[in-house]
Amino acid sequence: MSKKPSKDSVTTATIEEQTAAFLKSGGAIDYVVKGKSGQILPPGAKQQTPKVS
């Protein structure tokens, strides 16, 4: 049997360092409330609703 290559583990420290670097470089983090999407729909796009039979 061949062994699968192990993935690099992401630690909390790494995420915190990346976040700090992002904010220091002028980035901003927006808070999106639960149930909302952060995606911006283009003009004229319609939201699709599922059909109920």
PDB file of N, CA and C in Angstrom:
ATOM      1  N   MET A   1       0.831  -1.180   0.000  1.00  0.00           N
ATOM      2  CA  MET A   1       0.000   0.000   0.000  1.00  0.00           C
ATOM      3  C   MET A   1       0.876   1.244   0.000  1.00  0.00           C
ATOM      4  N   SER A   2       0.413   2.234  -0.745  1.00  0.00           N
ATOM      5  CA  SER A   2       1.157   3.492  -0.745  1.00  0.00           C
ATOM      6  C   SER A   2       0.526   4.462   0.244  1.00  0.00           C
ATOM      7  N   LYS A   3       1.362   5.241   0.827  1.00  0.00           N
ATOM      8  CA  LYS A   3       0.905   6.193   1.820  1.00  0.00           C
ATOM      9  C   LYS A   3       0.526   7.504   1.133  1.00  0.00           C
ATOM     10  N   LYS A   4      -0.602   8.084   1.505  1.00  0.00           N
ATOM     11  CA  LYS A   4      -1.008   9.362   0.937  1.00  0.00           C
ATOM     12  C   LYS A   4      -0.117  10.458   1.503  1.00  0.00           C
ATOM     13  N   PRO A   5       0.246  11.420   0.662  1.00  0.00           N
ATOM     14  CA  PRO A   5       1.063  12.518   1.192  1.00  0.00           C
ATOM     15  C   PRO A   5       0.270  13.320   2.220  1.00  0.00           C
ATOM     16  N   SER A   6       0.933  13.663   3.290  1.00  0.00           N
ATOM     17  CA  SER A   6       0.236  14.415   4.332  1.00  0.00           C
ATOM     18  C   SER A   6       0.130  15.887   3.950  1.00  0.00           C
ATOM     19  N   LYS A   7      -0.982  16.486   4.296  1.00  0.00           N
ATOM     20  CA  LYS A   7      -1.192  17.904   4.025  1.00  0.00           C
ATOM     21  C   LYS A   7      -0.549  18.721   5.130  1.00  0.00           C
ATOM     22  N   ASP A   8      -0.116  19.928   4.769  1.00  0.00           N
ATOM     23  CA  ASP A   8       0.410  20.827   5.793  1.00  0.00           C
ATOM     24  C   ASP A   8      -0.736  21.249   6.698  1.00  0.00           C
ATOM     25  N   SER A   9      -0.513  21.197   7.981  1.00  0.00           N
ATOM     26  CA  SER A   9      -1.567  21.602   8.892  1.00  0.00           C
ATOM     27  C   SER A   9      -1.516  23.112   9.101  1.00  0.00           C
ATOM     28  N   VAL A  10      -2.681  23.715   9.135  1.00  0.00           N
ATOM     29  CA  VAL A  10      -2.781  25.154   9.375  1.00  0.00           C
ATOM     30  C   VAL A  10      -3.067  25.342  10.852  1.00  0.00           C
ATOM     31  N   THR A  11      -2.243  26.119  11.485  1.00  0.00           N
ATOM     32  CA  THR A  11      -2.427  26.340  12.916  1.00  0.00           C
ATOM     33  C   THR A  11      -3.108  27.676  13.150  1.00  0.00           C
ATOM     34  N   THR A  12      -3.647  27.837  14.330  1.00  0.00           N
ATOM     35  CA  THR A  12      -4.285  29.093  14.702  1.00  0.00           C
ATOM     36  C   THR A  12      -3.285  30.230  14.644  1.00  0.00           C
ATOM     37  N   ALA A  13      -2.058  29.966  15.046  1.00  0.00           N
ATOM     38  CA  ALA A  13      -1.022  31.002  15.020  1.00  0.00           C
ATOM     39  C   ALA A  13      -0.798  31.492  13.592  1.00  0.00           C
ATOM     40  N   THR A  14      -0.786  30.577  12.633  1.00  0.00           N
ATOM     41  CA  THR A  14      -0.586  30.950  11.230  1.00  0.00           C
ATOM     42  C   THR A  14      -1.726  31.834  10.748  1.00  0.00           C
ATOM     43  N   ILE A  15      -2.955  31.477  11.063  1.00  0.00           N
ATOM     44  CA  ILE A  15      -4.114  32.262  10.658  1.00  0.00           C
ATOM     45  C   ILE A  15      -4.055  33.648  11.291  1.00  0.00           C
ATOM     46  N   GLU A  16      -3.704  33.709  12.571  1.00  0.00           N
ATOM     47  CA  GLU A  16      -3.605  35.001  13.251  1.00  0.00           C
ATOM     48  C   GLU A  16      -2.509  35.871  12.642  1.00  0.00           C
ATOM     49  N   GLU A  17      -1.381  35.255  12.291  1.00  0.00           N
ATOM     50  CA  GLU A  17      -0.290  36.010  11.658  1.00  0.00           C
ATOM     51  C   GLU A  17      -0.715  36.538  10.289  1.00  0.00           C
ATOM     52  N   GLN A  18      -1.403  35.706   9.510  1.00  0.00           N
ATOM     53  CA  GLN A  18      -1.862  36.133   8.191  1.00  0.00           C
ATOM     54  C   GLN A  18      -2.902  37.248   8.305  1.00  0.00           C
ATOM     55  N   THR A  19      -3.798  37.136   9.266  1.00  0.00           N
ATOM     56  CA  THR A  19      -4.813  38.163   9.482  1.00  0.00           C
ATOM     57  C   THR A  19      -4.165  39.472   9.892  1.00  0.00           C
ATOM     58  N   ALA A  20      -3.204  39.414  10.803  1.00  0.00           N
ATOM     59  CA  ALA A  20      -2.501  40.617  11.249  1.00  0.00           C
ATOM     60  C   ALA A  20      -1.766  41.278  10.084  1.00  0.00           C
ATOM     61  N   ALA A  21      -1.111  40.484   9.244  1.00  0.00           N
ATOM     62  CA  ALA A  21      -0.401  41.032   8.086  1.00  0.00           C
ATOM     63  C   ALA A  21      -1.369  41.682   7.106  1.00  0.00           C
ATOM     64  N   PHE A  22      -2.528  41.060   6.907  1.00  0.00           N
ATOM     65  CA  PHE A  22      -3.551  41.595   6.014  1.00  0.00           C
ATOM     66  C   PHE A  22      -4.055  42.943   6.511  1.00  0.00           C
ATOM     67  N   LEU A  23      -4.365  43.027   7.808  1.00  0.00           N
ATOM     68  CA  LEU A  23      -4.867  44.277   8.384  1.00  0.00           C
ATOM     69  C   LEU A  23      -3.794  45.361   8.371  1.00  0.00           C
ATOM     70  N   LYS A  24      -2.552  44.974   8.636  1.00  0.00           N
ATOM     71  CA  LYS A  24      -1.449  45.933   8.653  1.00  0.00           C
ATOM     72  C   LYS A  24      -1.212  46.523   7.262  1.00  0.00           C
ATOM     73  N   SER A  25      -1.473  45.736   6.218  1.00  0.00           N
ATOM     74  CA  SER A  25      -1.261  46.208   4.848  1.00  0.00           C
ATOM     75  C   SER A  25      -2.422  47.067   4.348  1.00  0.00           C
ATOM     76  N   GLY A  26      -3.399  47.316   5.219  1.00  0.00           N
ATOM     77  CA  GLY A  26      -4.507  48.198   4.843  1.00  0.00           C
ATOM     78  C   GLY A  26      -5.795  47.465   4.515  1.00  0.00           C
ATOM     79  N   GLY A  27      -5.801  46.165   4.664  1.00  0.00           N
ATOM     80  CA  GLY A  27      -7.012  45.390   4.401  1.00  0.00           C
ATOM     81  C   GLY A  27      -8.071  45.638   5.465  1.00  0.00           C
ATOM     82  N   ALA A  28      -9.293  45.310   5.138  1.00  0.00           N
ATOM     83  CA  ALA A  28     -10.391  45.482   6.085  1.00  0.00           C
ATOM     84  C   ALA A  28     -11.232  44.217   6.113  1.00  0.00           C
ATOM     85  N   ILE A  29     -11.814  43.951   7.253  1.00  0.00           N
ATOM     86  CA  ILE A  29     -12.680  42.793   7.421  1.00  0.00           C
ATOM     87  C   ILE A  29     -14.089  43.295   7.670  1.00  0.00           C
ATOM     88  N   ASP A  30     -15.030  42.832   6.849  1.00  0.00           N
ATOM     89  CA  ASP A  30     -16.435  43.203   7.005  1.00  0.00           C
ATOM     90  C   ASP A  30     -17.155  42.097   7.763  1.00  0.00           C
ATOM     91  N   TYR A  31     -18.045  42.484   8.666  1.00  0.00           N
ATOM     92  CA  TYR A  31     -18.844  41.518   9.405  1.00  0.00           C
ATOM     93  C   TYR A  31     -20.123  41.276   8.617  1.00  0.00           C
ATOM     94  N   VAL A  32     -20.415  40.027   8.320  1.00  0.00           N
ATOM     95  CA  VAL A  32     -21.638  39.653   7.609  1.00  0.00           C
ATOM     96  C   VAL A  32     -22.500  38.884   8.597  1.00  0.00           C
ATOM     97  N   VAL A  33     -23.718  39.367   8.820  1.00  0.00           N
ATOM     98  CA  VAL A  33     -24.598  38.732   9.801  1.00  0.00           C
ATOM     99  C   VAL A  33     -25.011  37.347   9.329  1.00  0.00           C
ATOM    100  N   LYS A  34     -25.336  36.495  10.263  1.00  0.00           N
ATOM    101  CA  LYS A  34     -25.727  35.128   9.964  1.00  0.00           C
ATOM    102  C   LYS A  34     -26.955  35.128   9.050  1.00  0.00           C
ATOM    103  N   GLY A  35     -26.906  34.316   8.021  1.00  0.00           N
ATOM    104  CA  GLY A  35     -28.029  34.212   7.101  1.00  0.00           C
ATOM    105  C   GLY A  35     -27.904  35.118   5.891  1.00  0.00           C
ATOM    106  N   LYS A  36     -26.922  36.002   5.880  1.00  0.00           N
ATOM    107  CA  LYS A  36     -26.707  36.905   4.748  1.00  0.00           C
ATOM    108  C   LYS A  36     -25.511  36.419   3.961  1.00  0.00           C
ATOM    109  N   SER A  37     -25.477  36.801   2.705  1.00  0.00           N
ATOM    110  CA  SER A  37     -24.344  36.460   1.861  1.00  0.00           C
ATOM    111  C   SER A  37     -23.490  37.691   1.663  1.00  0.00           C
ATOM    112  N   GLY A  38     -22.196  37.510   1.642  1.00  0.00           N
ATOM    113  CA  GLY A  38     -21.293  38.613   1.370  1.00  0.00           C
ATOM    114  C   GLY A  38     -21.141  38.848  -0.120  1.00  0.00           C
ATOM    115  N   GLN A  39     -21.776  37.984  -0.921  1.00  0.00           N
ATOM    116  CA  GLN A  39     -21.666  38.097  -2.371  1.00  0.00           C
ATOM    117  C   GLN A  39     -22.526  39.248  -2.880  1.00  0.00           C
ATOM    118  N   ILE A  40     -21.948  40.036  -3.792  1.00  0.00           N
ATOM    119  CA  ILE A  40     -22.682  41.146  -4.395  1.00  0.00           C
ATOM    120  C   ILE A  40     -23.197  40.686  -5.757  1.00  0.00           C
ATOM    121  N   LEU A  41     -24.512  40.736  -5.941  1.00  0.00           N
ATOM    122  CA  LEU A  41     -25.110  40.306  -7.199  1.00  0.00           C
ATOM    123  C   LEU A  41     -25.015  41.418  -8.235  1.00  0.00           C
ATOM    124  N   PRO A  42     -24.724  41.074  -9.475  1.00  0.00           N
ATOM    125  CA  PRO A  42     -24.666  42.096 -10.518  1.00  0.00           C
ATOM    126  C   PRO A  42     -26.063  42.660 -10.787  1.00  0.00           C
ATOM    127  N   PRO A  43     -26.143  43.894 -11.313  1.00  0.00           N
ATOM    128  CA  PRO A  43     -27.455  44.489 -11.598  1.00  0.00           C
ATOM    129  C   PRO A  43     -28.240  43.603 -12.565  1.00  0.00           C
ATOM    130  N   GLY A  44     -29.518  43.466 -12.320  1.00  0.00           N
ATOM    131  CA  GLY A  44     -30.364  42.668 -13.190  1.00  0.00           C
ATOM    132  C   GLY A  44     -30.404  41.193 -12.830  1.00  0.00           C
ATOM    133  N   ALA A  45     -29.571  40.770 -11.901  1.00  0.00           N
ATOM    134  CA  ALA A  45     -29.572  39.364 -11.494  1.00  0.00           C
ATOM    135  C   ALA A  45     -30.787  39.110 -10.615  1.00  0.00           C
ATOM    136  N   LYS A  46     -31.421  37.989 -10.843  1.00  0.00           N
ATOM    137  CA  LYS A  46     -32.600  37.648 -10.056  1.00  0.00           C
ATOM    138  C   LYS A  46     -32.280  36.467  -9.141  1.00  0.00           C
ATOM    139  N   GLN A  47     -32.807  36.534  -7.942  1.00  0.00           N
ATOM    140  CA  GLN A  47     -32.603  35.439  -7.001  1.00  0.00           C
ATOM    141  C   GLN A  47     -33.511  34.298  -7.408  1.00  0.00           C
ATOM    142  N   GLN A  48     -32.975  33.087  -7.443  1.00  0.00           N
ATOM    143  CA  GLN A  48     -33.775  31.914  -7.799  1.00  0.00           C
ATOM    144  C   GLN A  48     -34.393  31.333  -6.551  1.00  0.00           C
ATOM    145  N   THR A  49     -35.673  31.000  -6.667  1.00  0.00           N
ATOM    146  CA  THR A  49     -36.363  30.367  -5.550  1.00  0.00           C
ATOM    147  C   THR A  49     -36.749  28.951  -5.988  1.00  0.00           C
ATOM    148  N   PRO A  50     -36.629  27.994  -5.103  1.00  0.00           N
ATOM    149  CA  PRO A  50     -36.992  26.616  -5.477  1.00  0.00           C
ATOM    150  C   PRO A  50     -38.486  26.476  -5.704  1.00  0.00           C
ATOM    151  N   LYS A  51     -38.837  25.662  -6.680  1.00  0.00           N
ATOM    152  CA  LYS A  51     -40.257  25.419  -6.958  1.00  0.00           C
ATOM    153  C   LYS A  51     -40.764  24.341  -6.007  1.00  0.00           C
ATOM    154  N   VAL A  52     -41.924  24.553  -5.471  1.00  0.00           N
ATOM    155  CA  VAL A  52     -42.531  23.584  -4.571  1.00  0.00           C
ATOM    156  C   VAL A  52     -43.604  22.834  -5.360  1.00  0.00           C
ATOM    157  N   SER A  53     -43.541  21.514  -5.360  1.00  0.00           N
ATOM    158  CA  SER A  53     -44.535  20.749  -6.109  1.00  0.00           C
ATOM    159  C   SER A  53     -45.649  20.278  -5.226  1.00  0.00           C
TER     160      SER A  53
END
